Amino acid sequence: MRRPVKQPYLSKSWVIAGLIAVVFFGLEYAVRYEMEGISENAYTWLDLTLFLGAYLFVFCLQPIQAAIHRKLCRRTHRSDRRKASS
């Protein structure tokens, strides 16, 4: 059996998806600490909401990565066609 062809831009798309995840989690923690600064009461509902949001976002990472990968590959194919026609 032959090795599968390595897909271009795969690691680049995961890096972009990872950066989106870091920004998302950073915003969640910023909201949490901002809400804690307003009042000294414990916001368990806020913690639960942020946890569930993060949990759902983890399942969205792979489709986000796939969409970024398709966009990068499509952009490459378009630029290759332009170079060939010129």
Protein backbone atom coordinates (compact mmCIF):
# COMPACT_ATOMS: atom_id res chain seq x y z
CA MET A 1 0.00 0.00 0.00
CA ARG A 2 1.10 3.51 -0.72
CA ARG A 3 1.21 6.25 1.82
CA PRO A 4 -1.68 8.66 1.73
CA VAL A 5 -0.85 11.99 0.17
CA LYS A 6 -0.12 14.61 2.78
CA GLN A 7 -2.71 17.34 2.58
CA PRO A 8 -1.28 20.83 2.26
CA TYR A 9 -2.06 23.43 4.88
CA LEU A 10 -3.29 20.85 7.41
CA SER A 11 -1.05 22.04 10.23
CA LYS A 12 -1.65 25.68 9.32
CA SER A 13 -5.43 25.21 9.57
CA TRP A 14 -5.07 23.54 13.00
CA VAL A 15 -2.90 26.44 14.20
CA ILE A 16 -5.55 28.94 13.10
CA ALA A 17 -8.32 26.88 14.77
CA GLY A 18 -6.18 26.68 17.93
CA LEU A 19 -5.73 30.44 17.98
CA ILE A 20 -9.49 30.88 17.65
CA ALA A 21 -9.94 28.50 20.59
CA VAL A 22 -7.41 30.40 22.73
CA VAL A 23 -9.22 33.68 22.02
CA PHE A 24 -12.58 32.08 22.84
CA PHE A 25 -11.36 30.63 26.13
CA GLY A 26 -9.62 33.90 27.00
CA LEU A 27 -12.86 35.80 26.50
CA GLU A 28 -14.71 33.29 28.68
CA TYR A 29 -12.25 33.72 31.53
CA ALA A 30 -12.29 37.50 31.13
CA VAL A 31 -16.07 37.48 31.50
CA ARG A 32 -15.79 35.21 34.54
CA TYR A 33 -13.24 37.38 36.33
CA GLU A 34 -15.11 40.54 35.43
CA MET A 35 -18.31 39.13 36.94
CA GLU A 36 -16.42 38.05 40.07
CA GLY A 37 -15.04 41.57 40.47
CA ILE A 38 -18.53 43.08 40.50
CA SER A 39 -19.86 40.99 43.35
CA GLU A 40 -18.33 38.72 45.92
CA ASN A 41 -21.07 36.11 45.60
CA ALA A 42 -20.14 32.90 43.86
CA TYR A 43 -21.70 32.63 40.40
CA THR A 44 -22.14 28.91 39.97
CA TRP A 45 -24.56 29.46 37.09
CA LEU A 46 -21.90 31.51 35.32
CA ASP A 47 -19.29 28.80 35.83
CA LEU A 48 -21.69 26.19 34.51
CA THR A 49 -22.58 28.31 31.49
CA LEU A 50 -18.93 28.95 30.65
CA PHE A 51 -18.07 25.27 31.10
CA LEU A 52 -20.91 24.16 28.83
CA GLY A 53 -19.96 26.79 26.25
CA ALA A 54 -16.37 25.57 26.25
CA TYR A 55 -17.52 21.95 26.03
CA LEU A 56 -19.67 22.71 22.98
CA PHE A 57 -16.87 24.75 21.40
CA VAL A 58 -14.52 21.76 21.61
CA PHE A 59 -16.91 19.88 19.30
CA CYS A 60 -16.92 22.84 16.91
CA LEU A 61 -13.12 22.93 16.57
CA GLN A 62 -12.86 20.14 14.02
CA PRO A 63 -15.52 21.61 11.67
CA ILE A 64 -13.87 25.03 12.02
CA GLN A 65 -10.51 23.49 11.14
CA ALA A 66 -12.03 21.69 8.15
CA ALA A 67 -13.61 24.90 6.86
CA ILE A 68 -10.31 26.79 7.20
CA HIS A 69 -8.47 23.94 5.45
CA ARG A 70 -10.94 23.97 2.54
CA LYS A 71 -10.62 27.74 2.23
CA LEU A 72 -6.80 27.57 2.18
CA CYS A 73 -6.80 24.78 -0.42
CA ARG A 74 -9.37 26.58 -2.57
CA ARG A 75 -7.27 29.75 -2.46
CA THR A 76 -4.20 27.77 -3.57
CA HIS A 77 -6.04 26.18 -6.51
CA ARG A 78 -7.36 29.55 -7.66
CA SER A 79 -3.91 31.13 -7.59
CA ASP A 80 -2.47 28.13 -9.49
CA ARG A 81 -5.10 28.56 -12.22
CA ARG A 82 -4.32 32.26 -12.54
CA LYS A 83 -0.60 31.55 -12.91
CA ALA A 84 -1.26 28.86 -15.53
CA SER A 85 -3.53 31.10 -17.62
CA SER A 86 -1.10 34.05 -17.57
